[in-house]
Amino acid sequence: MQPRETNILLGDIIKHVNVERKFTEVQQQLQSIVQKVLSYYMDFNKLFIMDNFVPLLDLFRGTTQIDVNKAILETFSKLKETVSDSITINTMFGLAKVAHNSVNALSFADEVRQISRLINAFISKVCSHTRVYLKLTILLRSTLAVMLRNSSIFTASAAARLSI
């Protein structure tokens, strides 16, 4: 299947599951669709410029959203090359933030390690040729977010300054 046909198919799926918010009832099936798309498209630049892929991701809620984001981060971590496309970087950063925000004091240590590994793999894939400070900014924001979240001085204004 070509990206154009896949995009049309995803658009059709979105249109049908948005009727009366049916997407809440078919989270597992939508997750399966995303996993199939991920197994077929290893070029994240092509994947994220599809008009209907990111809106499909917006349909996920709760633990399914976290599982889908982790699956995308896992697939992304297996890439051999670095990424310099700003759309891909921003989309992956958003997915990494959702995975990161799912970690709390009640999370199992294995889950914390897995999410940390996925976020670190994402950061290492950001092409250093684009702008070195972009990579450092991502790393700094992630680190500060963890530090602020774990401290007692976490405030809404601090979160707003970090865009988390």
C-alpha atoms as a PDB file:
ATOM      1  CA  MET A   1       0.000   0.000   0.000  1.00  0.00           C
ATOM      2  CA  GLN A   2       1.241   3.476  -0.847  1.00  0.00           C
ATOM      3  CA  PRO A   3       1.164   6.316   1.731  1.00  0.00           C
ATOM      4  CA  ARG A   4      -1.678   7.986  -0.165  1.00  0.00           C
ATOM      5  CA  GLU A   5      -3.923   4.916   0.098  1.00  0.00           C
ATOM      6  CA  THR A   6      -2.998   4.383   3.731  1.00  0.00           C
ATOM      7  CA  ASN A   7      -3.840   8.005   4.481  1.00  0.00           C
ATOM      8  CA  ILE A   8      -7.245   7.650   2.787  1.00  0.00           C
ATOM      9  CA  LEU A   9      -7.938   4.445   4.739  1.00  0.00           C
ATOM     10  CA  LEU A  10      -6.986   6.082   8.044  1.00  0.00           C
ATOM     11  CA  GLY A  11      -9.205   9.056   7.214  1.00  0.00           C
ATOM     12  CA  ASP A  12     -12.119   6.712   6.551  1.00  0.00           C
ATOM     13  CA  ILE A  13     -11.526   4.923   9.856  1.00  0.00           C
ATOM     14  CA  ILE A  14     -11.411   8.230  11.745  1.00  0.00           C
ATOM     15  CA  LYS A  15     -14.631   9.385  10.094  1.00  0.00           C
ATOM     16  CA  HIS A  16     -16.457   6.181  11.057  1.00  0.00           C
ATOM     17  CA  VAL A  17     -15.270   5.948  14.668  1.00  0.00           C
ATOM     18  CA  ASN A  18     -15.930   9.637  15.378  1.00  0.00           C
ATOM     19  CA  VAL A  19     -19.660   9.050  14.923  1.00  0.00           C
ATOM     20  CA  GLU A  20     -21.149   9.241  18.416  1.00  0.00           C
ATOM     21  CA  ARG A  21     -17.630   8.894  19.895  1.00  0.00           C
ATOM     22  CA  LYS A  22     -17.448   5.187  18.985  1.00  0.00           C
ATOM     23  CA  PHE A  23     -13.637   5.393  19.202  1.00  0.00           C
ATOM     24  CA  THR A  24     -13.906   4.902  22.974  1.00  0.00           C
ATOM     25  CA  GLU A  25     -15.344   1.435  22.351  1.00  0.00           C
ATOM     26  CA  VAL A  26     -12.767   0.315  19.779  1.00  0.00           C
ATOM     27  CA  GLN A  27      -9.491   1.362  21.399  1.00  0.00           C
ATOM     28  CA  GLN A  28      -7.899  -2.097  21.055  1.00  0.00           C
ATOM     29  CA  GLN A  29      -8.805  -2.336  17.362  1.00  0.00           C
ATOM     30  CA  LEU A  30      -7.422   1.136  16.697  1.00  0.00           C
ATOM     31  CA  GLN A  31      -4.248   0.162  18.553  1.00  0.00           C
ATOM     32  CA  SER A  32      -3.919  -2.868  16.288  1.00  0.00           C
ATOM     33  CA  ILE A  33      -4.278  -0.627  13.221  1.00  0.00           C
ATOM     34  CA  VAL A  34      -1.506   1.667  14.466  1.00  0.00           C
ATOM     35  CA  GLN A  35       0.748  -1.345  15.091  1.00  0.00           C
ATOM     36  CA  LYS A  36       0.129  -2.614  11.544  1.00  0.00           C
ATOM     37  CA  VAL A  37       0.903   0.807  10.091  1.00  0.00           C
ATOM     38  CA  LEU A  38       4.094   0.961  12.176  1.00  0.00           C
ATOM     39  CA  SER A  39       5.186  -2.450  10.930  1.00  0.00           C
ATOM     40  CA  TYR A  40       4.714  -1.332   7.332  1.00  0.00           C
ATOM     41  CA  TYR A  41       6.133   2.215   7.449  1.00  0.00           C
ATOM     42  CA  MET A  42       9.570   2.617   8.966  1.00  0.00           C
ATOM     43  CA  ASP A  43       9.980   6.149   7.564  1.00  0.00           C
ATOM     44  CA  PHE A  44       8.566   8.366  10.273  1.00  0.00           C
ATOM     45  CA  ASN A  45       8.845  11.455   8.066  1.00  0.00           C
ATOM     46  CA  LYS A  46       6.311   9.929   5.658  1.00  0.00           C
ATOM     47  CA  LEU A  47       4.196   8.652   8.508  1.00  0.00           C
ATOM     48  CA  PHE A  48       3.834  11.967  10.320  1.00  0.00           C
ATOM     49  CA  ILE A  49       3.106  14.026   7.220  1.00  0.00           C
ATOM     50  CA  MET A  50       0.073  11.862   6.483  1.00  0.00           C
ATOM     51  CA  ASP A  51      -2.960  14.017   7.190  1.00  0.00           C
ATOM     52  CA  ASN A  52      -4.718  11.278   9.149  1.00  0.00           C
ATOM     53  CA  PHE A  53      -2.061   9.489  11.203  1.00  0.00           C
ATOM     54  CA  VAL A  54      -1.665  12.038  14.007  1.00  0.00           C
ATOM     55  CA  PRO A  55      -5.461  12.597  14.239  1.00  0.00           C
ATOM     56  CA  LEU A  56      -5.761   8.820  14.654  1.00  0.00           C
ATOM     57  CA  LEU A  57      -3.344   9.021  17.583  1.00  0.00           C
ATOM     58  CA  ASP A  58      -5.531  11.732  19.131  1.00  0.00           C
ATOM     59  CA  LEU A  59      -8.377   9.210  19.453  1.00  0.00           C
ATOM     60  CA  PHE A  60      -6.582   7.166  22.106  1.00  0.00           C
ATOM     61  CA  ARG A  61      -7.349   7.588  25.794  1.00  0.00           C
ATOM     62  CA  GLY A  62      -5.893   6.329  29.057  1.00  0.00           C
ATOM     63  CA  THR A  63      -3.673   3.275  29.148  1.00  0.00           C
ATOM     64  CA  THR A  64      -4.246   2.559  25.464  1.00  0.00           C
ATOM     65  CA  GLN A  65      -2.790   5.967  24.599  1.00  0.00           C
ATOM     66  CA  ILE A  66       0.264   5.234  26.719  1.00  0.00           C
ATOM     67  CA  ASP A  67       0.674   1.770  25.150  1.00  0.00           C
ATOM     68  CA  VAL A  68       0.391   3.191  21.619  1.00  0.00           C
ATOM     69  CA  ASN A  69       2.901   5.950  22.393  1.00  0.00           C
ATOM     70  CA  LYS A  70       5.331   3.415  23.847  1.00  0.00           C
ATOM     71  CA  ALA A  71       4.913   1.217  20.743  1.00  0.00           C
ATOM     72  CA  ILE A  72       5.687   4.183  18.484  1.00  0.00           C
ATOM     73  CA  LEU A  73       8.694   5.144  20.616  1.00  0.00           C
ATOM     74  CA  GLU A  74       9.875   1.519  20.534  1.00  0.00           C
ATOM     75  CA  THR A  75       9.655   1.397  16.743  1.00  0.00           C
ATOM     76  CA  PHE A  76      11.379   4.768  16.529  1.00  0.00           C
ATOM     77  CA  SER A  77      14.198   3.549  18.789  1.00  0.00           C
ATOM     78  CA  LYS A  78      14.994   0.767  16.323  1.00  0.00           C
ATOM     79  CA  LEU A  79      15.849   3.237  13.553  1.00  0.00           C
ATOM     80  CA  LYS A  80      19.475   3.218  12.513  1.00  0.00           C
ATOM     81  CA  GLU A  81      19.630   6.803  11.266  1.00  0.00           C
ATOM     82  CA  THR A  82      19.156  10.089  13.061  1.00  0.00           C
ATOM     83  CA  VAL A  83      16.189  12.366  12.434  1.00  0.00           C
ATOM     84  CA  SER A  84      16.339  16.026  11.494  1.00  0.00           C
ATOM     85  CA  ASP A  85      12.766  16.696  10.368  1.00  0.00           C
ATOM     86  CA  SER A  86      11.114  19.176  12.733  1.00  0.00           C
ATOM     87  CA  ILE A  87       7.630  17.667  12.295  1.00  0.00           C
ATOM     88  CA  THR A  88       8.900  14.231  13.268  1.00  0.00           C
ATOM     89  CA  ILE A  89      10.891  15.611  16.202  1.00  0.00           C
ATOM     90  CA  ASN A  90       7.955  17.631  17.559  1.00  0.00           C
ATOM     91  CA  THR A  91       5.489  14.770  17.166  1.00  0.00           C
ATOM     92  CA  MET A  92       7.829  12.293  18.826  1.00  0.00           C
ATOM     93  CA  PHE A  93       8.508  14.794  21.609  1.00  0.00           C
ATOM     94  CA  GLY A  94       4.766  15.012  22.262  1.00  0.00           C
ATOM     95  CA  LEU A  95       4.482  11.218  22.381  1.00  0.00           C
ATOM     96  CA  ALA A  96       7.483  11.022  24.717  1.00  0.00           C
ATOM     97  CA  LYS A  97       5.918  13.628  27.032  1.00  0.00           C
ATOM     98  CA  VAL A  98       2.715  11.592  27.325  1.00  0.00           C
ATOM     99  CA  ALA A  99       4.725   8.450  28.130  1.00  0.00           C
ATOM    100  CA  HIS A 100       6.831  10.401  30.619  1.00  0.00           C
ATOM    101  CA  ASN A 101       3.783  11.923  32.308  1.00  0.00           C
ATOM    102  CA  SER A 102       2.303   8.463  32.831  1.00  0.00           C
ATOM    103  CA  VAL A 103       5.071   7.643  35.313  1.00  0.00           C
ATOM    104  CA  ASN A 104       4.244   8.345  38.932  1.00  0.00           C
ATOM    105  CA  ALA A 105       5.182   7.140  42.388  1.00  0.00           C
ATOM    106  CA  LEU A 106       3.039   4.014  41.933  1.00  0.00           C
ATOM    107  CA  SER A 107       4.690   2.972  38.651  1.00  0.00           C
ATOM    108  CA  PHE A 108       6.679  -0.230  38.650  1.00  0.00           C
ATOM    109  CA  ALA A 109      10.446   0.145  38.362  1.00  0.00           C
ATOM    110  CA  ASP A 110      10.450  -1.893  35.129  1.00  0.00           C
ATOM    111  CA  GLU A 111       7.950   0.469  33.536  1.00  0.00           C
ATOM    112  CA  VAL A 112       9.991   3.497  34.615  1.00  0.00           C
ATOM    113  CA  ARG A 113      13.131   1.914  33.118  1.00  0.00           C
ATOM    114  CA  GLN A 114      11.336   1.057  29.882  1.00  0.00           C
ATOM    115  CA  ILE A 115       9.960   4.570  29.411  1.00  0.00           C
ATOM    116  CA  SER A 116      13.316   6.107  30.338  1.00  0.00           C
ATOM    117  CA  ARG A 117      15.064   3.898  27.784  1.00  0.00           C
ATOM    118  CA  LEU A 118      12.555   4.873  25.079  1.00  0.00           C
ATOM    119  CA  ILE A 119      12.913   8.590  25.820  1.00  0.00           C
ATOM    120  CA  ASN A 120      16.707   8.324  25.833  1.00  0.00           C
ATOM    121  CA  ALA A 121      16.604   6.489  22.505  1.00  0.00           C
ATOM    122  CA  PHE A 122      14.435   9.260  21.072  1.00  0.00           C
ATOM    123  CA  ILE A 123      16.837  11.958  22.271  1.00  0.00           C
ATOM    124  CA  SER A 124      19.796  10.104  20.767  1.00  0.00           C
ATOM    125  CA  LYS A 125      18.034   9.928  17.364  1.00  0.00           C
ATOM    126  CA  VAL A 126      17.681  13.709  17.065  1.00  0.00           C
ATOM    127  CA  CYS A 127      20.201  14.694  14.429  1.00  0.00           C
ATOM    128  CA  SER A 128      23.002  16.774  15.874  1.00  0.00           C
ATOM    129  CA  HIS A 129      23.495  18.426  12.482  1.00  0.00           C
ATOM    130  CA  THR A 130      20.212  20.317  12.730  1.00  0.00           C
ATOM    131  CA  ARG A 131      21.046  22.291  15.869  1.00  0.00           C
ATOM    132  CA  VAL A 132      22.969  21.044  18.815  1.00  0.00           C
ATOM    133  CA  TYR A 133      21.015  23.219  21.198  1.00  0.00           C
ATOM    134  CA  LEU A 134      17.741  21.598  20.089  1.00  0.00           C
ATOM    135  CA  LYS A 135      18.981  18.240  21.341  1.00  0.00           C
ATOM    136  CA  LEU A 136      20.206  19.822  24.545  1.00  0.00           C
ATOM    137  CA  THR A 137      16.912  21.652  24.991  1.00  0.00           C
ATOM    138  CA  ILE A 138      14.986  18.401  24.711  1.00  0.00           C
ATOM    139  CA  LEU A 139      17.306  16.760  27.226  1.00  0.00           C
ATOM    140  CA  LEU A 140      17.139  19.740  29.555  1.00  0.00           C
ATOM    141  CA  ARG A 141      13.339  19.949  29.431  1.00  0.00           C
ATOM    142  CA  SER A 142      13.008  16.241  30.141  1.00  0.00           C
ATOM    143  CA  THR A 143      15.439  16.406  33.042  1.00  0.00           C
ATOM    144  CA  LEU A 144      13.874  19.528  34.528  1.00  0.00           C
ATOM    145  CA  ALA A 145      10.409  18.059  34.189  1.00  0.00           C
ATOM    146  CA  VAL A 146      11.478  14.966  36.135  1.00  0.00           C
ATOM    147  CA  MET A 147      13.230  17.055  38.780  1.00  0.00           C
ATOM    148  CA  LEU A 148      10.275  19.405  39.208  1.00  0.00           C
ATOM    149  CA  ARG A 149       7.770  16.580  39.232  1.00  0.00           C
ATOM    150  CA  ASN A 150       9.695  14.796  41.971  1.00  0.00           C
ATOM    151  CA  SER A 151      10.196  17.914  44.076  1.00  0.00           C
ATOM    152  CA  SER A 152       7.744  19.712  46.259  1.00  0.00           C
ATOM    153  CA  ILE A 153       8.247  23.024  44.417  1.00  0.00           C
ATOM    154  CA  PHE A 154       6.426  21.954  41.275  1.00  0.00           C
ATOM    155  CA  THR A 155       4.039  24.747  40.327  1.00  0.00           C
ATOM    156  CA  ALA A 156       1.766  25.501  37.419  1.00  0.00           C
ATOM    157  CA  SER A 157       3.948  28.436  36.418  1.00  0.00           C
ATOM    158  CA  ALA A 158       7.023  26.207  36.313  1.00  0.00           C
ATOM    159  CA  ALA A 159       5.130  23.723  34.139  1.00  0.00           C
ATOM    160  CA  ALA A 160       4.042  26.521  31.811  1.00  0.00           C
ATOM    161  CA  ARG A 161       7.616  27.771  31.423  1.00  0.00           C
ATOM    162  CA  LEU A 162       8.745  24.262  30.468  1.00  0.00           C
ATOM    163  CA  SER A 163       5.738  23.653  28.209  1.00  0.00           C
ATOM    164  CA  ILE A 164       4.985  20.359  29.909  1.00  0.00           C
END
